[in-house]
Each structure stands twice: as structure tokens, then as C-alpha cells.
Amino acid sequence: MANNDLYKILGVEEKASPQEIKKAYRKLAKENHPDAHPGDRKAEQRFKEISQAYTVLGDPQKRQKYDQMRRLGFPGSQNGNGFTAGPAGFDLNDLFGGFANAGQHRNSRRADFNLDSFFGFGGISDVFGHIFEGQPGFSRSSSVRDKSNIHVTLKIPFKTAAFGGKVDFLVPEKGNKRFSLQIPAATDDGKKLRLAGQGKPGTQGDLIATIKVAKHRFFQMNGLNIYCQIPLSRKKADHGTKIRVKTVHGKTVELKVPERTRDGRRFRLKGLGLKRGKSKGDQYVTIKVREQAKR
């Protein structure tokens, strides 16, 4: 993180109320959402930092533990590499590297200081996994995450995957509680979407939904691009013709097929794919030449 003081990331005071924290998070998340800044890596990173900060400060238990860490001098007072040395010369780059690899706690002066013991059950890696995950020397095993996460598979209509929309579903592991998930436009099959903090009861895990997109009889989707296939007789492919092509938006356009078009030739309909923010995809039309049946 460019700034690892979570309060400063959200622009709130340490004594801010939960309502103030939530309000600040919503405002910043809306301003920095990737859909509003397609292709902007800085905005994407900023959005990630905002989300990670709220994951901690928006949870009373995580916030309390974070405040304890903060008072000890760890996150908040940065040194040259982005982390604080803290009391007794602690360096979090070194400290979290020790947790990540061998499960041993290393520091420059006090080998008997065990943060996992200080914070109790679950340890610091569980509390701050979302904050420092991705930083050099820090990782969190998938097996630990999976013990508290809930995984579901959601089959959604092609139209919802293409243009986005809200999907409601029940989760048996949460007592058939109903959840709503906003599907972004151009969501590909196999995409994983996460509802933070909605994992198994009594844990701080997440609800992870794997998207299964229903097949469309005509269109296929890959990111912002749409693909379709149109059959054409050998005679028309040899002599050239004009065909009407349906777009994913429900309109019909005319496509000129030149003479001597071979089987498998692909044509591009520029800008007629899906849209996300200011980015637009294309629609690609593949010609499938049909041979005449022999008499």
C-alpha cells in the first residue's frame, strides 16, 4: 500500500463512528471504481486499498485489533519502504515475511515477542491477511482461507453476464439466507466474485461465488468481445453476397461478404460488442461455408 494507515486511506479520524467510516468508504469506492476508470491501474490499486481498509475498519473486532497494532507503532508511521519500523526496531517487511514462509517470528531485537500470541486465536495473519496480502514477503495459505470461506456456484443468464444485473440466491450454509450479488457487465464464465465478511458463521471468511454463464444459442462472449457464426452456402461464398447479422444489442446490421470467401473467415463489427465504462468491445462474425449435398 502506498499509505498503510487505514484511517488515512479512508480519510477519517481514528475516533470516527462506524457510520462515518461506511460513508467515507462508499464515497471513495464510487469515485475509484475500476468501471469508472477502465485501464487505469492507479485507480484500480486505489480501489483495492480502499476496500482492504474498509474490510478491517468496518468490522468492530478487526478494527479493535488493528487499533492495538497501531498503538504499538506498526501500521501508520511509515519508513522508506512503506512500512513502519515500530517499537524496538520492528520492520513489518521482515516480520510478515517470517509469518509467510516458515511460520516463525523474526525481528531485530526481541525474539520473544509473539504477535500471534498477543492477538489470540487466529493470529495476525488472519486479522491482517486482506491488508498485507500481495506485499513482498507476505502470503496467506489458501487452506486457511478455505476453512472460513463459503464457495457457491451461480448459473446466470447470458444476458445478465453480458450487460450486468443483480442476482439473488440462497446460501444453505448460512441457514438459507438470501444474498444479492451485483454482476458487472462482461462477466466471463468462471469469474469469481466475493462478498467480504459473509463466510462461515463465526469466522471472518468471505462468500465466494463462481459464475457459470448459460450458453446462448447464437452468441459467445470473451471479455468485451462478442462472437457469432453464420452459415453460408458455397455458391454465395464464391460469388459474394450481403447478409444481415444480429448484434448482441438486439439490432441488425448488414455485412458485405466478398467473393471467394473461405470457410472460417472472420469479420469484425467495430464497437458492437459490450461496454464497460468508456471501453467498448467488438463483435466478430465467422463464416461457416456449407458444402452442397451430393446427389
C-alpha atoms as a PDB file:
ATOM      1  CA  MET A   1       0.000   0.000   0.000  1.00  0.00           C
ATOM      2  CA  ALA A   2       1.141   3.499  -0.742  1.00  0.00           C
ATOM      3  CA  ASN A   3      -0.211   4.519   2.664  1.00  0.00           C
ATOM      4  CA  ASN A   4      -0.689   1.734   5.176  1.00  0.00           C
ATOM      5  CA  ASP A   5      -2.549   3.802   7.777  1.00  0.00           C
ATOM      6  CA  LEU A   6      -6.079   2.574   7.166  1.00  0.00           C
ATOM      7  CA  TYR A   7      -7.698   5.659   8.667  1.00  0.00           C
ATOM      8  CA  LYS A   8      -5.772   7.909   6.293  1.00  0.00           C
ATOM      9  CA  ILE A   9      -6.715   5.700   3.337  1.00  0.00           C
ATOM     10  CA  LEU A  10     -10.392   6.316   4.068  1.00  0.00           C
ATOM     11  CA  GLY A  11      -9.772   9.920   5.091  1.00  0.00           C
ATOM     12  CA  VAL A  12     -11.354   9.618   8.544  1.00  0.00           C
ATOM     13  CA  GLU A  13     -10.227  10.275  12.097  1.00  0.00           C
ATOM     14  CA  GLU A  14      -9.242   7.461  14.452  1.00  0.00           C
ATOM     15  CA  LYS A  15     -12.355   8.160  16.549  1.00  0.00           C
ATOM     16  CA  ALA A  16     -14.689   8.118  13.527  1.00  0.00           C
ATOM     17  CA  SER A  17     -18.018   6.376  14.057  1.00  0.00           C
ATOM     18  CA  PRO A  18     -18.949   3.234  12.066  1.00  0.00           C
ATOM     19  CA  GLN A  19     -21.418   5.351  10.091  1.00  0.00           C
ATOM     20  CA  GLU A  20     -18.711   7.876   9.177  1.00  0.00           C
ATOM     21  CA  ILE A  21     -16.370   5.093   8.096  1.00  0.00           C
ATOM     22  CA  LYS A  22     -19.053   3.479   5.964  1.00  0.00           C
ATOM     23  CA  LYS A  23     -19.979   6.800   4.363  1.00  0.00           C
ATOM     24  CA  ALA A  24     -16.344   7.569   3.547  1.00  0.00           C
ATOM     25  CA  TYR A  25     -15.828   4.114   2.085  1.00  0.00           C
ATOM     26  CA  ARG A  26     -18.870   4.334  -0.191  1.00  0.00           C
ATOM     27  CA  LYS A  27     -17.841   7.747  -1.486  1.00  0.00           C
ATOM     28  CA  LEU A  28     -14.259   6.719  -2.232  1.00  0.00           C
ATOM     29  CA  ALA A  29     -15.255   3.328  -3.696  1.00  0.00           C
ATOM     30  CA  LYS A  30     -17.646   5.041  -6.094  1.00  0.00           C
ATOM     31  CA  GLU A  31     -15.039   7.597  -7.154  1.00  0.00           C
ATOM     32  CA  ASN A  32     -12.315   4.999  -7.718  1.00  0.00           C
ATOM     33  CA  HIS A  33     -14.297   2.023  -9.036  1.00  0.00           C
ATOM     34  CA  PRO A  34     -12.495   0.318 -11.975  1.00  0.00           C
ATOM     35  CA  ASP A  35     -15.644   0.538 -14.108  1.00  0.00           C
ATOM     36  CA  ALA A  36     -15.365   4.333 -13.922  1.00  0.00           C
ATOM     37  CA  HIS A  37     -11.654   4.253 -14.798  1.00  0.00           C
ATOM     38  CA  PRO A  38     -11.125   1.428 -17.329  1.00  0.00           C
ATOM     39  CA  GLY A  39      -7.465   0.675 -17.869  1.00  0.00           C
ATOM     40  CA  ASP A  40      -6.332   2.992 -15.056  1.00  0.00           C
ATOM     41  CA  ARG A  41      -4.071   0.852 -12.861  1.00  0.00           C
ATOM     42  CA  LYS A  42      -3.629   3.584 -10.262  1.00  0.00           C
ATOM     43  CA  ALA A  43      -7.387   3.842  -9.758  1.00  0.00           C
ATOM     44  CA  GLU A  44      -7.617   0.052  -9.591  1.00  0.00           C
ATOM     45  CA  GLN A  45      -4.914  -0.065  -6.910  1.00  0.00           C
ATOM     46  CA  ARG A  46      -6.562   2.796  -5.023  1.00  0.00           C
ATOM     47  CA  PHE A  47      -9.904   0.958  -5.115  1.00  0.00           C
ATOM     48  CA  LYS A  48      -8.218  -2.169  -3.761  1.00  0.00           C
ATOM     49  CA  GLU A  49      -6.625  -0.230  -0.890  1.00  0.00           C
ATOM     50  CA  ILE A  50      -9.952   1.413  -0.027  1.00  0.00           C
ATOM     51  CA  SER A  51     -11.704  -1.967   0.006  1.00  0.00           C
ATOM     52  CA  GLN A  52      -8.994  -3.544   2.153  1.00  0.00           C
ATOM     53  CA  ALA A  53      -9.118  -0.654   4.607  1.00  0.00           C
ATOM     54  CA  TYR A  54     -12.880  -0.963   4.967  1.00  0.00           C
ATOM     55  CA  THR A  55     -12.615  -4.730   5.414  1.00  0.00           C
ATOM     56  CA  VAL A  56     -10.769  -4.009   8.654  1.00  0.00           C
ATOM     57  CA  LEU A  57     -12.225  -0.722   9.881  1.00  0.00           C
ATOM     58  CA  GLY A  58     -15.757  -1.764   9.009  1.00  0.00           C
ATOM     59  CA  ASP A  59     -15.519  -4.816  11.260  1.00  0.00           C
ATOM     60  CA  PRO A  60     -15.551  -3.944  15.001  1.00  0.00           C
ATOM     61  CA  GLN A  61     -13.334  -6.874  16.042  1.00  0.00           C
ATOM     62  CA  LYS A  62     -10.790  -6.346  13.270  1.00  0.00           C
ATOM     63  CA  ARG A  63     -10.776  -2.624  13.951  1.00  0.00           C
ATOM     64  CA  GLN A  64     -10.094  -3.177  17.641  1.00  0.00           C
ATOM     65  CA  LYS A  65      -7.135  -5.437  16.877  1.00  0.00           C
ATOM     66  CA  TYR A  66      -5.861  -3.033  14.244  1.00  0.00           C
ATOM     67  CA  ASP A  67      -6.034  -0.160  16.752  1.00  0.00           C
ATOM     68  CA  GLN A  68      -3.968  -2.249  19.164  1.00  0.00           C
ATOM     69  CA  MET A  69      -1.370  -2.798  16.443  1.00  0.00           C
ATOM     70  CA  ARG A  70      -1.465   0.878  15.544  1.00  0.00           C
ATOM     71  CA  ARG A  71      -0.857   1.959  19.127  1.00  0.00           C
ATOM     72  CA  LEU A  72       2.157  -0.359  19.245  1.00  0.00           C
ATOM     73  CA  GLY A  73       3.545   1.651  16.373  1.00  0.00           C
ATOM     74  CA  PHE A  74       3.235  -0.787  13.465  1.00  0.00           C
ATOM     75  CA  PRO A  75       0.866   0.450  10.688  1.00  0.00           C
ATOM     76  CA  GLY A  76       0.761   4.221  10.432  1.00  0.00           C
ATOM     77  CA  SER A  77       4.265   5.620  10.812  1.00  0.00           C
ATOM     78  CA  GLN A  78       5.974   4.788   7.558  1.00  0.00           C
ATOM     79  CA  ASN A  79       9.627   4.299   6.848  1.00  0.00           C
ATOM     80  CA  GLY A  80      11.252   4.468   3.425  1.00  0.00           C
ATOM     81  CA  ASN A  81       9.838   1.190   2.145  1.00  0.00           C
ATOM     82  CA  GLY A  82       6.245   1.866   3.099  1.00  0.00           C
ATOM     83  CA  PHE A  83       6.175   0.017   6.420  1.00  0.00           C
ATOM     84  CA  THR A  84       6.933   1.256   9.899  1.00  0.00           C
ATOM     85  CA  ALA A  85       9.786   0.015  11.988  1.00  0.00           C
ATOM     86  CA  GLY A  86       7.615   0.275  15.097  1.00  0.00           C
ATOM     87  CA  PRO A  87       8.812  -0.081  18.671  1.00  0.00           C
ATOM     88  CA  ALA A  88      12.018  -1.985  19.378  1.00  0.00           C
ATOM     89  CA  GLY A  89      13.076  -1.662  15.728  1.00  0.00           C
ATOM     90  CA  PHE A  90      10.416  -3.925  14.227  1.00  0.00           C
ATOM     91  CA  ASP A  91      10.279  -3.991  10.444  1.00  0.00           C
ATOM     92  CA  LEU A  92       6.971  -5.307   9.087  1.00  0.00           C
ATOM     93  CA  ASN A  93       8.505  -6.326   5.776  1.00  0.00           C
ATOM     94  CA  ASP A  94      10.712  -8.718   7.728  1.00  0.00           C
ATOM     95  CA  LEU A  95       8.029  -9.622  10.245  1.00  0.00           C
ATOM     96  CA  PHE A  96       5.355 -10.596   7.751  1.00  0.00           C
ATOM     97  CA  GLY A  97       7.914 -12.395   5.624  1.00  0.00           C
ATOM     98  CA  GLY A  98       8.573 -14.635   8.630  1.00  0.00           C
ATOM     99  CA  PHE A  99       4.887 -15.414   9.038  1.00  0.00           C
ATOM    100  CA  ALA A 100       4.509 -16.163   5.362  1.00  0.00           C
ATOM    101  CA  ASN A 101       7.273 -18.645   4.899  1.00  0.00           C
ATOM    102  CA  ALA A 102       8.257 -20.660   7.953  1.00  0.00           C
ATOM    103  CA  GLY A 103       5.681 -19.522  10.464  1.00  0.00           C
ATOM    104  CA  GLN A 104       8.499 -18.120  12.583  1.00  0.00           C
ATOM    105  CA  HIS A 105       8.525 -14.605  14.048  1.00  0.00           C
ATOM    106  CA  ARG A 106      11.652 -12.636  13.290  1.00  0.00           C
ATOM    107  CA  ASN A 107      12.688  -9.182  14.471  1.00  0.00           C
ATOM    108  CA  SER A 108      15.876  -7.317  15.124  1.00  0.00           C
ATOM    109  CA  ARG A 109      15.788  -7.119  18.924  1.00  0.00           C
ATOM    110  CA  ARG A 110      13.063  -9.064  20.719  1.00  0.00           C
ATOM    111  CA  ALA A 111      12.834 -12.694  19.682  1.00  0.00           C
ATOM    112  CA  ASP A 112      10.376 -13.461  22.485  1.00  0.00           C
ATOM    113  CA  PHE A 113       7.688 -11.062  21.202  1.00  0.00           C
ATOM    114  CA  ASN A 114       4.989 -13.218  19.585  1.00  0.00           C
ATOM    115  CA  LEU A 115       2.214 -11.246  17.887  1.00  0.00           C
ATOM    116  CA  ASP A 116       0.124 -14.341  17.218  1.00  0.00           C
ATOM    117  CA  SER A 117       0.010 -14.965  20.958  1.00  0.00           C
ATOM    118  CA  PHE A 118      -0.674 -11.298  21.657  1.00  0.00           C
ATOM    119  CA  PHE A 119      -3.741 -11.224  19.432  1.00  0.00           C
ATOM    120  CA  GLY A 120      -5.013 -14.622  20.484  1.00  0.00           C
ATOM    121  CA  PHE A 121      -6.796 -17.202  18.379  1.00  0.00           C
ATOM    122  CA  GLY A 122      -6.365 -16.838  14.651  1.00  0.00           C
ATOM    123  CA  GLY A 123      -3.172 -14.816  14.833  1.00  0.00           C
ATOM    124  CA  ILE A 124      -2.095 -11.726  12.998  1.00  0.00           C
ATOM    125  CA  SER A 125      -2.088 -13.413   9.606  1.00  0.00           C
ATOM    126  CA  ASP A 126      -5.865 -13.922   9.807  1.00  0.00           C
ATOM    127  CA  VAL A 127      -6.543 -10.394  11.043  1.00  0.00           C
ATOM    128  CA  PHE A 128      -4.369  -8.583   8.512  1.00  0.00           C
ATOM    129  CA  GLY A 129      -4.419 -11.012   5.603  1.00  0.00           C
ATOM    130  CA  HIS A 130      -6.550  -8.702   3.460  1.00  0.00           C
ATOM    131  CA  ILE A 131      -4.385  -5.681   4.282  1.00  0.00           C
ATOM    132  CA  PHE A 132      -0.936  -7.016   3.521  1.00  0.00           C
ATOM    133  CA  GLU A 133      -1.770  -9.761   1.043  1.00  0.00           C
ATOM    134  CA  GLY A 134       0.231  -9.068  -2.100  1.00  0.00           C
ATOM    135  CA  GLN A 135       3.007  -7.204  -0.283  1.00  0.00           C
ATOM    136  CA  PRO A 136       6.549  -8.562  -0.724  1.00  0.00           C
ATOM    137  CA  GLY A 137       7.190 -11.465   1.620  1.00  0.00           C
ATOM    138  CA  PHE A 138       3.602 -11.934   2.739  1.00  0.00           C
ATOM    139  CA  SER A 139       1.163 -14.625   1.690  1.00  0.00           C
ATOM    140  CA  ARG A 140      -1.686 -16.464   3.269  1.00  0.00           C
ATOM    141  CA  SER A 141      -2.309 -20.132   2.526  1.00  0.00           C
ATOM    142  CA  SER A 142      -5.446 -20.993   0.593  1.00  0.00           C
ATOM    143  CA  SER A 143      -6.168 -23.825   3.007  1.00  0.00           C
ATOM    144  CA  VAL A 144      -6.553 -21.328   5.856  1.00  0.00           C
ATOM    145  CA  ARG A 145      -8.863 -19.154   3.802  1.00  0.00           C
ATOM    146  CA  ASP A 146     -10.974 -22.065   2.610  1.00  0.00           C
ATOM    147  CA  LYS A 147     -11.723 -23.146   6.160  1.00  0.00           C
ATOM    148  CA  SER A 148     -13.698 -19.956   6.720  1.00  0.00           C
ATOM    149  CA  ASN A 149     -14.892 -19.165   3.189  1.00  0.00           C
ATOM    150  CA  ILE A 150     -18.121 -20.351   1.631  1.00  0.00           C
ATOM    151  CA  HIS A 151     -17.998 -21.293  -2.053  1.00  0.00           C
ATOM    152  CA  VAL A 152     -21.083 -21.278  -4.257  1.00  0.00           C
ATOM    153  CA  THR A 153     -21.673 -21.650  -7.986  1.00  0.00           C
ATOM    154  CA  LEU A 154     -24.171 -19.296  -9.598  1.00  0.00           C
ATOM    155  CA  LYS A 155     -25.605 -20.062 -13.012  1.00  0.00           C
ATOM    156  CA  ILE A 156     -26.727 -16.824 -14.601  1.00  0.00           C
ATOM    157  CA  PRO A 157     -28.396 -15.978 -17.930  1.00  0.00           C
ATOM    158  CA  PHE A 158     -26.170 -14.904 -20.798  1.00  0.00           C
ATOM    159  CA  LYS A 159     -27.883 -11.507 -20.899  1.00  0.00           C
ATOM    160  CA  THR A 160     -27.066 -10.834 -17.236  1.00  0.00           C
ATOM    161  CA  ALA A 161     -23.432 -11.805 -17.768  1.00  0.00           C
ATOM    162  CA  ALA A 162     -23.216  -9.582 -20.845  1.00  0.00           C
ATOM    163  CA  PHE A 163     -24.923  -6.438 -19.575  1.00  0.00           C
ATOM    164  CA  GLY A 164     -24.754  -6.853 -15.812  1.00  0.00           C
ATOM    165  CA  GLY A 165     -27.526  -7.051 -13.253  1.00  0.00           C
ATOM    166  CA  LYS A 166     -28.464  -8.185  -9.785  1.00  0.00           C
ATOM    167  CA  VAL A 167     -28.735 -11.872  -8.892  1.00  0.00           C
ATOM    168  CA  ASP A 168     -30.442 -13.137  -5.734  1.00  0.00           C
ATOM    169  CA  PHE A 169     -29.569 -16.536  -4.277  1.00  0.00           C
ATOM    170  CA  LEU A 170     -29.867 -18.587  -1.097  1.00  0.00           C
ATOM    171  CA  VAL A 171     -26.916 -19.999   0.850  1.00  0.00           C
ATOM    172  CA  PRO A 172     -27.708 -23.217   2.792  1.00  0.00           C
ATOM    173  CA  GLU A 173     -24.571 -22.853   4.960  1.00  0.00           C
ATOM    174  CA  LYS A 174     -25.977 -19.556   6.206  1.00  0.00           C
ATOM    175  CA  GLY A 175     -29.398 -21.002   7.073  1.00  0.00           C
ATOM    176  CA  ASN A 176     -30.779 -20.355   3.570  1.00  0.00           C
ATOM    177  CA  LYS A 177     -30.105 -16.666   3.979  1.00  0.00           C
ATOM    178  CA  ARG A 178     -30.805 -14.660   0.843  1.00  0.00           C
ATOM    179  CA  PHE A 179     -27.952 -12.683  -0.715  1.00  0.00           C
ATOM    180  CA  SER A 180     -27.835 -10.250  -3.615  1.00  0.00           C
ATOM    181  CA  LEU A 181     -24.839 -10.012  -5.899  1.00  0.00           C
ATOM    182  CA  GLN A 182     -24.256  -7.299  -8.479  1.00  0.00           C
ATOM    183  CA  ILE A 183     -22.899  -8.867 -11.655  1.00  0.00           C
ATOM    184  CA  PRO A 184     -20.631  -6.490 -13.623  1.00  0.00           C
ATOM    185  CA  ALA A 185     -21.079  -6.180 -17.376  1.00  0.00           C
ATOM    186  CA  ALA A 186     -18.983  -8.563 -19.481  1.00  0.00           C
ATOM    187  CA  THR A 187     -18.589 -11.174 -16.734  1.00  0.00           C
ATOM    188  CA  ASP A 188     -16.985 -14.273 -18.237  1.00  0.00           C
ATOM    189  CA  ASP A 189     -17.763 -17.872 -17.353  1.00  0.00           C
ATOM    190  CA  GLY A 190     -15.665 -18.966 -14.370  1.00  0.00           C
ATOM    191  CA  LYS A 191     -15.291 -15.468 -12.920  1.00  0.00           C
ATOM    192  CA  LYS A 192     -15.157 -15.387  -9.109  1.00  0.00           C
ATOM    193  CA  LEU A 193     -16.971 -12.640  -7.210  1.00  0.00           C
ATOM    194  CA  ARG A 194     -16.509 -12.080  -3.492  1.00  0.00           C
ATOM    195  CA  LEU A 195     -18.778 -10.844  -0.711  1.00  0.00           C
ATOM    196  CA  ALA A 196     -16.340  -9.885   2.040  1.00  0.00           C
ATOM    197  CA  GLY A 197     -17.116 -10.987   5.586  1.00  0.00           C
ATOM    198  CA  GLN A 198     -20.001 -13.279   4.594  1.00  0.00           C
ATOM    199  CA  GLY A 199     -18.197 -16.587   5.090  1.00  0.00           C
ATOM    200  CA  LYS A 200     -18.935 -19.391   7.526  1.00  0.00           C
ATOM    201  CA  PRO A 201     -20.725 -18.383  10.736  1.00  0.00           C
ATOM    202  CA  GLY A 202     -18.371 -17.348  13.499  1.00  0.00           C
ATOM    203  CA  THR A 203     -15.480 -16.675  11.121  1.00  0.00           C
ATOM    204  CA  GLN A 204     -14.136 -13.721   9.181  1.00  0.00           C
ATOM    205  CA  GLY A 205     -14.247 -15.566   5.877  1.00  0.00           C
ATOM    206  CA  ASP A 206     -15.839 -14.492   2.622  1.00  0.00           C
ATOM    207  CA  LEU A 207     -18.610 -15.740   0.379  1.00  0.00           C
ATOM    208  CA  ILE A 208     -17.084 -16.552  -2.990  1.00  0.00           C
ATOM    209  CA  ALA A 209     -19.369 -17.055  -5.978  1.00  0.00           C
ATOM    210  CA  THR A 210     -18.085 -18.763  -9.118  1.00  0.00           C
ATOM    211  CA  ILE A 211     -20.105 -17.598 -12.101  1.00  0.00           C
ATOM    212  CA  LYS A 212     -21.423 -20.123 -14.584  1.00  0.00           C
ATOM    213  CA  VAL A 213     -22.790 -18.382 -17.680  1.00  0.00           C
ATOM    214  CA  ALA A 214     -25.632 -20.117 -19.503  1.00  0.00           C
ATOM    215  CA  LYS A 215     -24.867 -20.778 -23.159  1.00  0.00           C
ATOM    216  CA  HIS A 216     -26.528 -18.630 -25.791  1.00  0.00           C
ATOM    217  CA  ARG A 217     -27.778 -20.269 -28.965  1.00  0.00           C
ATOM    218  CA  PHE A 218     -26.065 -17.671 -31.167  1.00  0.00           C
ATOM    219  CA  PHE A 219     -23.569 -15.542 -29.226  1.00  0.00           C
ATOM    220  CA  GLN A 220     -20.391 -16.291 -27.316  1.00  0.00           C
ATOM    221  CA  MET A 221     -18.593 -13.842 -25.055  1.00  0.00           C
ATOM    222  CA  ASN A 222     -14.942 -13.243 -24.224  1.00  0.00           C
ATOM    223  CA  GLY A 223     -14.380 -10.116 -22.192  1.00  0.00           C
ATOM    224  CA  LEU A 224     -15.925  -7.190 -24.043  1.00  0.00           C
ATOM    225  CA  ASN A 225     -15.921  -9.011 -27.378  1.00  0.00           C
ATOM    226  CA  ILE A 226     -18.839 -10.978 -28.807  1.00  0.00           C
ATOM    227  CA  TYR A 227     -18.504 -13.864 -31.267  1.00  0.00           C
ATOM    228  CA  CYS A 228     -21.039 -15.496 -33.553  1.00  0.00           C
ATOM    229  CA  GLN A 229     -21.083 -17.841 -36.518  1.00  0.00           C
ATOM    230  CA  ILE A 230     -23.210 -17.603 -39.653  1.00  0.00           C
ATOM    231  CA  PRO A 231     -23.658 -20.416 -42.196  1.00  0.00           C
ATOM    232  CA  LEU A 232     -23.294 -19.556 -45.875  1.00  0.00           C
ATOM    233  CA  SER A 233     -23.697 -21.682 -48.990  1.00  0.00           C
ATOM    234  CA  ARG A 234     -20.653 -22.408 -51.133  1.00  0.00           C
ATOM    235  CA  LYS A 235     -22.259 -20.546 -54.055  1.00  0.00           C
ATOM    236  CA  LYS A 236     -22.768 -17.327 -52.074  1.00  0.00           C
ATOM    237  CA  ALA A 237     -19.297 -17.584 -50.545  1.00  0.00           C
ATOM    238  CA  ASP A 238     -17.749 -17.914 -54.022  1.00  0.00           C
ATOM    239  CA  HIS A 239     -19.749 -15.120 -55.668  1.00  0.00           C
ATOM    240  CA  GLY A 240     -20.056 -12.759 -52.720  1.00  0.00           C
ATOM    241  CA  THR A 241     -23.211 -11.559 -51.027  1.00  0.00           C
ATOM    242  CA  LYS A 242     -24.689  -9.355 -48.335  1.00  0.00           C
ATOM    243  CA  ILE A 243     -26.025 -10.829 -45.113  1.00  0.00           C
ATOM    244  CA  ARG A 244     -27.950  -9.494 -42.152  1.00  0.00           C
ATOM    245  CA  VAL A 245     -26.271 -10.031 -38.791  1.00  0.00           C
ATOM    246  CA  LYS A 246     -27.957  -9.712 -35.411  1.00  0.00           C
ATOM    247  CA  THR A 247     -25.909  -7.870 -32.797  1.00  0.00           C
ATOM    248  CA  VAL A 248     -25.815  -8.628 -29.081  1.00  0.00           C
ATOM    249  CA  HIS A 249     -27.738  -5.388 -28.503  1.00  0.00           C
ATOM    250  CA  GLY A 250     -30.730  -6.684 -30.465  1.00  0.00           C
ATOM    251  CA  LYS A 251     -30.171  -4.677 -33.633  1.00  0.00           C
ATOM    252  CA  THR A 252     -29.415  -5.963 -37.115  1.00  0.00           C
ATOM    253  CA  VAL A 253     -26.598  -4.737 -39.350  1.00  0.00           C
ATOM    254  CA  GLU A 254     -25.666  -5.500 -42.929  1.00  0.00           C
ATOM    255  CA  LEU A 255     -22.355  -7.246 -43.627  1.00  0.00           C
ATOM    256  CA  LYS A 256     -20.784  -7.463 -47.070  1.00  0.00           C
ATOM    257  CA  VAL A 257     -19.192 -10.835 -47.757  1.00  0.00           C
ATOM    258  CA  PRO A 258     -16.678 -10.527 -50.620  1.00  0.00           C
ATOM    259  CA  GLU A 259     -16.128 -13.041 -53.439  1.00  0.00           C
ATOM    260  CA  ARG A 260     -14.126 -16.185 -52.759  1.00  0.00           C
ATOM    261  CA  THR A 261     -14.708 -16.077 -49.016  1.00  0.00           C
ATOM    262  CA  ARG A 262     -13.278 -19.179 -47.413  1.00  0.00           C
ATOM    263  CA  ASP A 263     -14.702 -21.240 -44.574  1.00  0.00           C
ATOM    264  CA  GLY A 264     -13.711 -19.810 -41.212  1.00  0.00           C
ATOM    265  CA  ARG A 265     -13.093 -16.247 -42.371  1.00  0.00           C
ATOM    266  CA  ARG A 266     -13.819 -13.758 -39.602  1.00  0.00           C
ATOM    267  CA  PHE A 267     -15.252 -10.261 -39.949  1.00  0.00           C
ATOM    268  CA  ARG A 268     -15.105  -7.519 -37.327  1.00  0.00           C
ATOM    269  CA  LEU A 269     -18.045  -5.289 -36.464  1.00  0.00           C
ATOM    270  CA  LYS A 270     -16.201  -2.494 -34.681  1.00  0.00           C
ATOM    271  CA  GLY A 271     -17.699  -1.149 -31.475  1.00  0.00           C
ATOM    272  CA  LEU A 272     -20.674  -3.505 -31.495  1.00  0.00           C
ATOM    273  CA  GLY A 273     -19.503  -5.619 -28.583  1.00  0.00           C
ATOM    274  CA  LEU A 274     -20.077  -4.982 -24.885  1.00  0.00           C
ATOM    275  CA  LYS A 275     -19.373  -1.783 -22.989  1.00  0.00           C
ATOM    276  CA  ARG A 276     -17.695  -1.308 -19.608  1.00  0.00           C
ATOM    277  CA  GLY A 277     -17.069   2.257 -18.538  1.00  0.00           C
ATOM    278  CA  LYS A 278     -15.605   4.041 -21.555  1.00  0.00           C
ATOM    279  CA  SER A 279     -14.295   0.839 -23.125  1.00  0.00           C
ATOM    280  CA  LYS A 280     -16.127  -0.909 -25.953  1.00  0.00           C
ATOM    281  CA  GLY A 281     -15.631  -4.310 -27.457  1.00  0.00           C
ATOM    282  CA  ASP A 282     -16.292  -5.592 -30.952  1.00  0.00           C
ATOM    283  CA  GLN A 283     -18.476  -8.275 -32.457  1.00  0.00           C
ATOM    284  CA  TYR A 284     -16.781 -10.891 -34.616  1.00  0.00           C
ATOM    285  CA  VAL A 285     -18.653 -12.841 -37.270  1.00  0.00           C
ATOM    286  CA  THR A 286     -17.219 -16.141 -38.500  1.00  0.00           C
ATOM    287  CA  ILE A 287     -18.442 -17.536 -41.814  1.00  0.00           C
ATOM    288  CA  LYS A 288     -19.193 -21.235 -41.913  1.00  0.00           C
ATOM    289  CA  VAL A 289     -19.313 -22.349 -45.529  1.00  0.00           C
ATOM    290  CA  ARG A 290     -21.740 -25.178 -46.220  1.00  0.00           C
ATOM    291  CA  GLU A 291     -20.888 -27.598 -48.982  1.00  0.00           C
ATOM    292  CA  GLN A 292     -23.678 -28.592 -51.335  1.00  0.00           C
ATOM    293  CA  ALA A 293     -25.022 -32.060 -50.775  1.00  0.00           C
ATOM    294  CA  LYS A 294     -24.015 -34.518 -53.488  1.00  0.00           C
ATOM    295  CA  ARG A 295     -26.851 -36.059 -55.471  1.00  0.00           C
END
